[in-house]
Amino acid sequence: MTRRALIAGVARDCGAHLSGVFANLERIAACYDEVSFCFVENDSTDDTQAQLAQFGRGRPSFHLFNLDGLGQLPIRTLRLEYARNLYLSFARTNPAVAHCDELVVIDMDDAGGFPIDPDQFAIARARLDQDAGLAGVFANQRGLYYDLWALRAAGWCPDDVWLAMAQACMEPGVTEEMAYDRVMAPRVRAIDPSSPLIEVDSAFGGLGIYRLSALRASTATYHGAQMHALPISGNGLAIIRMQCCEHVALNRGLRAAGHRLCIDPGLVNRLMPSSARFPPGAFRSMMF
């Protein structure tokens, strides 16, 4: 069976990490009969744009979109939402990639530079051939699993962990450390790479492989902000506008359409020390 993929990512000021990312792109490309590339870059002050252009030189299907000026938008996840929806629209509608079977999304910063095992990637992408109901497969990290923000999984991380942290800290007498112990700590875990697939409602982890037919049949998009009215003491409400992980809305749209999504524990794309600790107050910088 001939397999063709569109490999996509967004980039800004990540020139220092691109050599490792490019090496991974070559490893991933070797797992397909044919690949196309689509990258979205904006407002870089280093040589990111030049490196991307150089990587694409001579490749028959390479597409680089520049969105200089997007940096004027102060909310990071809204910038990511806009950029990711550009490559998503390209994947869904552009005739140049209509023949592609899969969309591979990779982080272009330091998270994308850890050497991926091409054999494990080939196993992960082959799962889409083996299971018609599976629409997406995501990476794992050796050591602690780190992308709790994109994760939605019953019994593990059922909601937005940073919103839950914010809610906990609104309770009288609850400190950030207390909230961490209650909300975050139970979700922090390691996944043995030899474990079976883990079904989720959303994940990313810096690397995802999507079935393009599922994405093309869906109207779901990336979405990077949320607003909530939360009860506070004294019977009042606190209105919270907060960034959210842009991957969740897209993944939930696929799940709502009846597709399945999984973390493949054997697809390792990062090392995270078991002593790593998420900053308890990080949610404060996500509010706007």
Protein backbone atom coordinates (compact mmCIF):
# COMPACT_ATOMS: atom_id res chain seq x y z
CA MET A 1 0.00 0.00 0.00
CA THR A 2 1.35 3.42 -0.96
CA ARG A 3 1.31 5.84 1.97
CA ARG A 4 1.59 9.60 1.61
CA ALA A 5 1.81 12.21 4.36
CA LEU A 6 1.66 15.94 4.85
CA ILE A 7 4.07 16.99 7.61
CA ALA A 8 3.15 20.29 9.26
CA GLY A 9 4.23 22.59 12.06
CA VAL A 10 4.36 26.18 13.25
CA ALA A 11 7.60 28.00 13.98
CA ARG A 12 8.79 31.20 15.56
CA ASP A 13 12.31 31.99 16.80
CA CYS A 14 13.27 28.33 16.94
CA GLY A 15 16.34 28.46 14.71
CA ALA A 16 18.58 27.05 17.44
CA HIS A 17 16.57 23.82 17.45
CA LEU A 18 15.80 23.30 13.78
CA SER A 19 18.77 21.08 12.95
CA GLY A 20 17.35 18.45 15.32
CA VAL A 21 13.83 18.98 14.01
CA PHE A 22 14.99 18.60 10.41
CA ALA A 23 16.75 15.35 11.29
CA ASN A 24 13.45 14.07 12.69
CA LEU A 25 11.60 15.21 9.58
CA GLU A 26 13.94 13.10 7.49
CA ARG A 27 13.35 10.09 9.77
CA ILE A 28 9.59 10.55 9.51
CA ALA A 29 9.69 11.08 5.75
CA ALA A 30 11.54 7.77 5.35
CA CYS A 31 8.45 6.00 6.73
CA TYR A 32 6.33 7.12 3.76
CA ASP A 33 6.40 6.63 0.01
CA GLU A 34 5.80 10.32 -0.55
CA VAL A 35 5.74 13.39 1.70
CA SER A 36 4.68 17.02 1.45
CA PHE A 37 5.56 19.76 3.92
CA CYS A 38 3.58 22.74 5.19
CA PHE A 39 5.08 25.12 7.74
CA VAL A 40 3.68 28.36 9.15
CA GLU A 41 6.15 30.94 10.48
CA ASN A 42 5.69 34.41 11.89
CA ASP A 43 7.71 37.32 13.25
CA SER A 44 10.95 35.45 13.88
CA THR A 45 13.91 37.62 14.87
CA ASP A 46 16.44 34.84 14.26
CA ASP A 47 17.13 32.77 11.14
CA THR A 48 14.08 30.49 11.48
CA GLN A 49 12.51 31.60 8.22
CA ALA A 50 15.78 31.28 6.30
CA GLN A 51 16.43 27.79 7.68
CA LEU A 52 12.93 26.64 6.75
CA ALA A 53 13.31 28.02 3.24
CA GLN A 54 16.66 26.27 2.88
CA PHE A 55 15.17 22.97 4.06
CA GLY A 56 12.45 23.27 1.44
CA ARG A 57 14.75 24.12 -1.43
CA GLY A 58 14.57 21.42 -4.09
CA ARG A 59 11.70 19.54 -2.46
CA PRO A 60 8.84 18.98 -4.92
CA SER A 61 6.03 19.64 -2.45
CA PHE A 62 7.09 22.23 0.13
CA HIS A 63 4.89 25.06 1.33
CA LEU A 64 6.00 27.83 3.70
CA PHE A 65 3.54 30.46 4.87
CA ASN A 66 4.77 33.65 6.53
CA LEU A 67 2.43 35.48 8.88
CA ASP A 68 4.58 38.42 9.97
CA GLY A 69 2.37 40.71 12.02
CA LEU A 70 0.62 37.88 13.85
CA GLY A 71 2.95 38.65 16.75
CA GLN A 72 0.88 41.76 17.45
CA LEU A 73 -1.73 39.43 18.90
CA PRO A 74 -0.67 39.22 22.56
CA ILE A 75 -2.31 35.90 23.44
CA ARG A 76 0.04 33.04 22.56
CA THR A 77 -2.60 30.34 22.13
CA LEU A 78 -4.64 32.59 19.84
CA ARG A 79 -1.56 33.02 17.65
CA LEU A 80 -1.14 29.24 17.64
CA GLU A 81 -4.83 28.78 16.87
CA TYR A 82 -4.55 31.02 13.81
CA ALA A 83 -1.34 29.45 12.53
CA ARG A 84 -2.46 25.86 13.08
CA ASN A 85 -5.81 26.46 11.42
CA LEU A 86 -3.92 27.71 8.36
CA TYR A 87 -2.10 24.41 7.85
CA LEU A 88 -5.28 22.51 8.77
CA SER A 89 -7.23 24.35 6.07
CA PHE A 90 -4.39 23.70 3.63
CA ALA A 91 -4.49 19.98 4.46
CA ARG A 92 -8.24 19.81 4.00
CA THR A 93 -8.72 21.84 0.84
CA ASN A 94 -5.55 22.39 -1.19
CA PRO A 95 -5.38 20.21 -4.33
CA ALA A 96 -1.58 20.00 -3.98
CA VAL A 97 -1.98 17.66 -0.99
CA ALA A 98 -5.30 16.03 -1.83
CA HIS A 99 -3.49 12.72 -2.33
CA CYS A 100 -2.05 12.65 1.23
CA ASP A 101 -3.37 10.02 3.63
CA GLU A 102 -2.03 11.36 6.92
CA LEU A 103 -1.20 14.64 8.61
CA VAL A 104 1.87 14.52 10.84
CA VAL A 105 2.05 17.47 13.24
CA ILE A 106 5.37 18.10 14.97
CA ASP A 107 6.59 20.80 17.34
CA MET A 108 9.37 22.84 15.76
CA ASP A 109 11.14 24.02 18.93
CA ASP A 110 13.28 22.04 21.38
CA ALA A 111 10.39 19.61 21.89
CA GLY A 112 10.78 18.48 18.28
CA GLY A 113 14.50 17.81 18.34
CA PHE A 114 14.75 14.63 20.37
CA PRO A 115 15.72 11.80 17.96
CA ILE A 116 12.62 9.80 17.08
CA ASP A 117 13.07 6.08 16.47
CA PRO A 118 11.89 5.62 12.86
CA ASP A 119 10.91 2.01 13.55
CA GLN A 120 8.64 3.09 16.39
CA PHE A 121 7.20 5.87 14.25
CA ALA A 122 6.47 3.33 11.50
CA ILE A 123 4.68 1.11 14.03
CA ALA A 124 2.64 4.08 15.29
CA ARG A 125 1.57 5.26 11.84
CA ALA A 126 0.74 1.70 10.77
CA ARG A 127 -1.87 1.57 13.53
CA LEU A 128 -4.04 3.86 11.39
CA ASP A 129 -4.00 1.21 8.66
CA GLN A 130 -4.82 -1.56 11.12
CA ASP A 131 -7.75 0.16 12.87
CA ALA A 132 -10.28 2.02 10.72
CA GLY A 133 -11.80 3.67 13.78
CA LEU A 134 -8.52 5.21 14.90
CA ALA A 135 -8.06 8.81 13.72
CA GLY A 136 -5.01 9.94 15.67
CA VAL A 137 -1.92 8.59 17.43
CA PHE A 138 0.23 10.72 19.75
CA ALA A 139 3.69 10.50 21.26
CA ASN A 140 4.83 9.55 24.75
CA GLN A 141 7.82 10.78 26.74
CA ARG A 142 10.32 8.60 28.56
CA GLY A 143 10.09 9.56 32.22
CA LEU A 144 7.15 11.79 33.08
CA TYR A 145 4.41 12.35 30.52
CA TYR A 146 4.56 16.10 30.10
CA ASP A 147 1.67 17.42 27.98
CA LEU A 148 -1.08 17.42 30.57
CA TRP A 149 -2.51 20.62 29.07
CA ALA A 150 -3.49 18.89 25.82
CA LEU A 151 -4.57 15.72 27.62
CA ARG A 152 -8.15 14.69 28.21
CA ALA A 153 -8.53 11.16 29.52
CA ALA A 154 -11.15 9.77 31.85
CA GLY A 155 -9.74 8.72 35.21
CA TRP A 156 -6.48 10.53 34.55
CA CYS A 157 -6.91 14.08 33.30
CA PRO A 158 -10.61 14.67 32.55
CA ASP A 159 -10.46 18.47 32.32
CA ASP A 160 -8.16 21.45 31.80
CA VAL A 161 -5.55 21.00 34.52
CA TRP A 162 -4.58 24.69 34.62
CA LEU A 163 -8.18 25.86 34.83
CA ALA A 164 -8.66 23.36 37.65
CA MET A 165 -5.60 24.82 39.37
CA ALA A 166 -7.04 28.32 39.03
CA GLN A 167 -10.37 27.20 40.45
CA ALA A 168 -8.69 25.54 43.43
CA CYS A 169 -6.64 28.64 44.21
CA MET A 170 -9.81 30.74 44.31
CA GLU A 171 -10.99 28.80 47.34
CA PRO A 172 -10.34 30.56 50.67
CA GLY A 173 -7.07 29.52 52.26
CA VAL A 174 -5.89 27.36 49.35
CA THR A 175 -2.30 28.10 48.33
CA GLU A 176 -0.69 27.20 45.02
CA GLU A 177 1.19 24.36 46.68
CA MET A 178 -2.00 23.01 48.21
CA ALA A 179 -3.73 23.22 44.83
CA TYR A 180 -0.81 21.42 43.21
CA ASP A 181 -1.02 18.55 45.66
CA ARG A 182 -4.77 18.25 45.14
CA VAL A 183 -5.11 18.89 41.40
CA MET A 184 -1.82 18.41 39.59
CA ALA A 185 0.06 15.75 41.53
CA PRO A 186 -2.52 12.96 40.96
CA ARG A 187 -2.22 13.51 37.19
CA VAL A 188 1.56 13.42 36.98
CA ARG A 189 2.70 9.97 35.91
CA ALA A 190 5.11 8.04 33.73
CA ILE A 191 3.97 5.76 30.91
CA ASP A 192 6.08 2.67 30.33
CA PRO A 193 6.99 2.58 26.61
CA SER A 194 6.07 -1.11 26.55
CA SER A 195 2.49 -0.36 27.64
CA PRO A 196 -0.46 -0.91 25.28
CA LEU A 197 -2.20 1.96 23.54
CA ILE A 198 -3.94 4.44 25.85
CA GLU A 199 -7.26 5.71 24.55
CA VAL A 200 -7.83 9.43 25.15
CA ASP A 201 -10.24 12.20 24.21
CA SER A 202 -7.30 14.52 23.47
CA ALA A 203 -3.51 14.49 23.54
CA PHE A 204 -0.54 15.86 21.63
CA GLY A 205 2.83 15.67 23.36
CA GLY A 206 4.71 17.39 20.54
CA LEU A 207 3.97 14.80 17.84
CA GLY A 208 0.71 13.54 16.38
CA ILE A 209 -0.29 11.45 13.37
CA TYR A 210 -3.82 12.04 12.05
CA ARG A 211 -5.89 10.20 9.47
CA LEU A 212 -6.60 12.92 6.93
CA SER A 213 -9.90 11.43 5.78
CA ALA A 214 -11.20 11.93 9.33
CA LEU A 215 -9.97 15.52 9.46
CA ARG A 216 -11.45 16.29 6.04
CA ALA A 217 -14.85 14.95 7.08
CA SER A 218 -14.81 17.11 10.22
CA THR A 219 -15.38 20.83 10.69
CA ALA A 220 -13.46 20.87 13.99
CA THR A 221 -10.66 23.42 14.30
CA TYR A 222 -7.98 24.49 16.73
CA HIS A 223 -9.20 26.87 19.44
CA GLY A 224 -6.96 28.67 21.93
CA ALA A 225 -9.08 30.56 24.50
CA GLN A 226 -11.84 29.96 26.98
CA MET A 227 -14.09 31.97 29.30
CA HIS A 228 -15.75 30.72 32.46
CA ALA A 229 -17.94 32.19 35.19
CA LEU A 230 -16.76 30.57 38.41
CA PRO A 231 -18.57 30.83 41.75
CA ILE A 232 -16.65 32.45 44.58
CA SER A 233 -17.37 32.89 48.28
CA GLY A 234 -20.15 35.35 48.99
CA ASN A 235 -22.36 34.01 46.19
CA GLY A 236 -20.58 36.01 43.52
CA LEU A 237 -19.00 35.03 40.22
CA ALA A 238 -15.48 35.44 38.92
CA ILE A 239 -15.19 35.77 35.16
CA ILE A 240 -12.05 34.04 33.94
CA ARG A 241 -10.69 34.50 30.43
CA MET A 242 -7.86 32.09 29.98
CA GLN A 243 -5.71 30.46 27.35
CA CYS A 244 -6.46 26.83 26.61
CA CYS A 245 -4.49 24.24 24.70
CA GLU A 246 -5.47 24.69 21.07
CA HIS A 247 -5.25 20.96 20.28
CA VAL A 248 -8.16 20.00 22.54
CA ALA A 249 -10.97 21.45 20.40
CA LEU A 250 -9.74 19.71 17.26
CA ASN A 251 -9.38 16.37 19.04
CA ARG A 252 -12.75 16.61 20.73
CA GLY A 253 -14.34 17.31 17.36
CA LEU A 254 -12.91 14.05 16.04
CA ARG A 255 -14.11 12.18 19.12
CA ALA A 256 -17.60 13.68 18.75
CA ALA A 257 -17.68 12.28 15.21
CA GLY A 258 -17.06 8.79 16.61
CA HIS A 259 -13.32 8.51 15.95
CA ARG A 260 -10.84 7.13 18.45
CA LEU A 261 -7.55 8.74 19.56
CA CYS A 262 -4.66 7.06 21.37
CA ILE A 263 -1.28 7.70 22.94
CA ASP A 264 1.22 5.17 21.62
CA PRO A 265 3.60 4.60 24.57
CA GLY A 266 6.33 3.23 22.31
CA LEU A 267 6.52 6.42 20.25
CA VAL A 268 8.92 8.35 22.49
CA ASN A 269 9.86 11.90 21.51
CA ARG A 270 11.34 13.38 24.68
CA LEU A 271 13.09 12.61 27.95
CA MET A 272 11.48 14.06 31.07
CA PRO A 273 13.24 13.49 34.42
CA SER A 274 11.12 11.77 37.02
CA SER A 275 11.95 14.66 39.35
CA ALA A 276 10.44 17.24 36.96
CA ARG A 277 7.80 19.48 38.51
CA PHE A 278 5.22 21.66 36.80
CA PRO A 279 5.27 25.27 38.11
CA PRO A 280 2.19 25.59 40.37
CA GLY A 281 1.53 29.23 39.47
CA ALA A 282 1.78 28.86 35.70
CA PHE A 283 -1.99 29.31 35.30
CA ARG A 284 -1.66 32.98 36.28
CA SER A 285 0.28 33.80 33.11
CA MET A 286 -2.44 32.10 31.06
CA MET A 287 -5.17 34.53 32.16
CA PHE A 288 -6.01 37.62 30.15
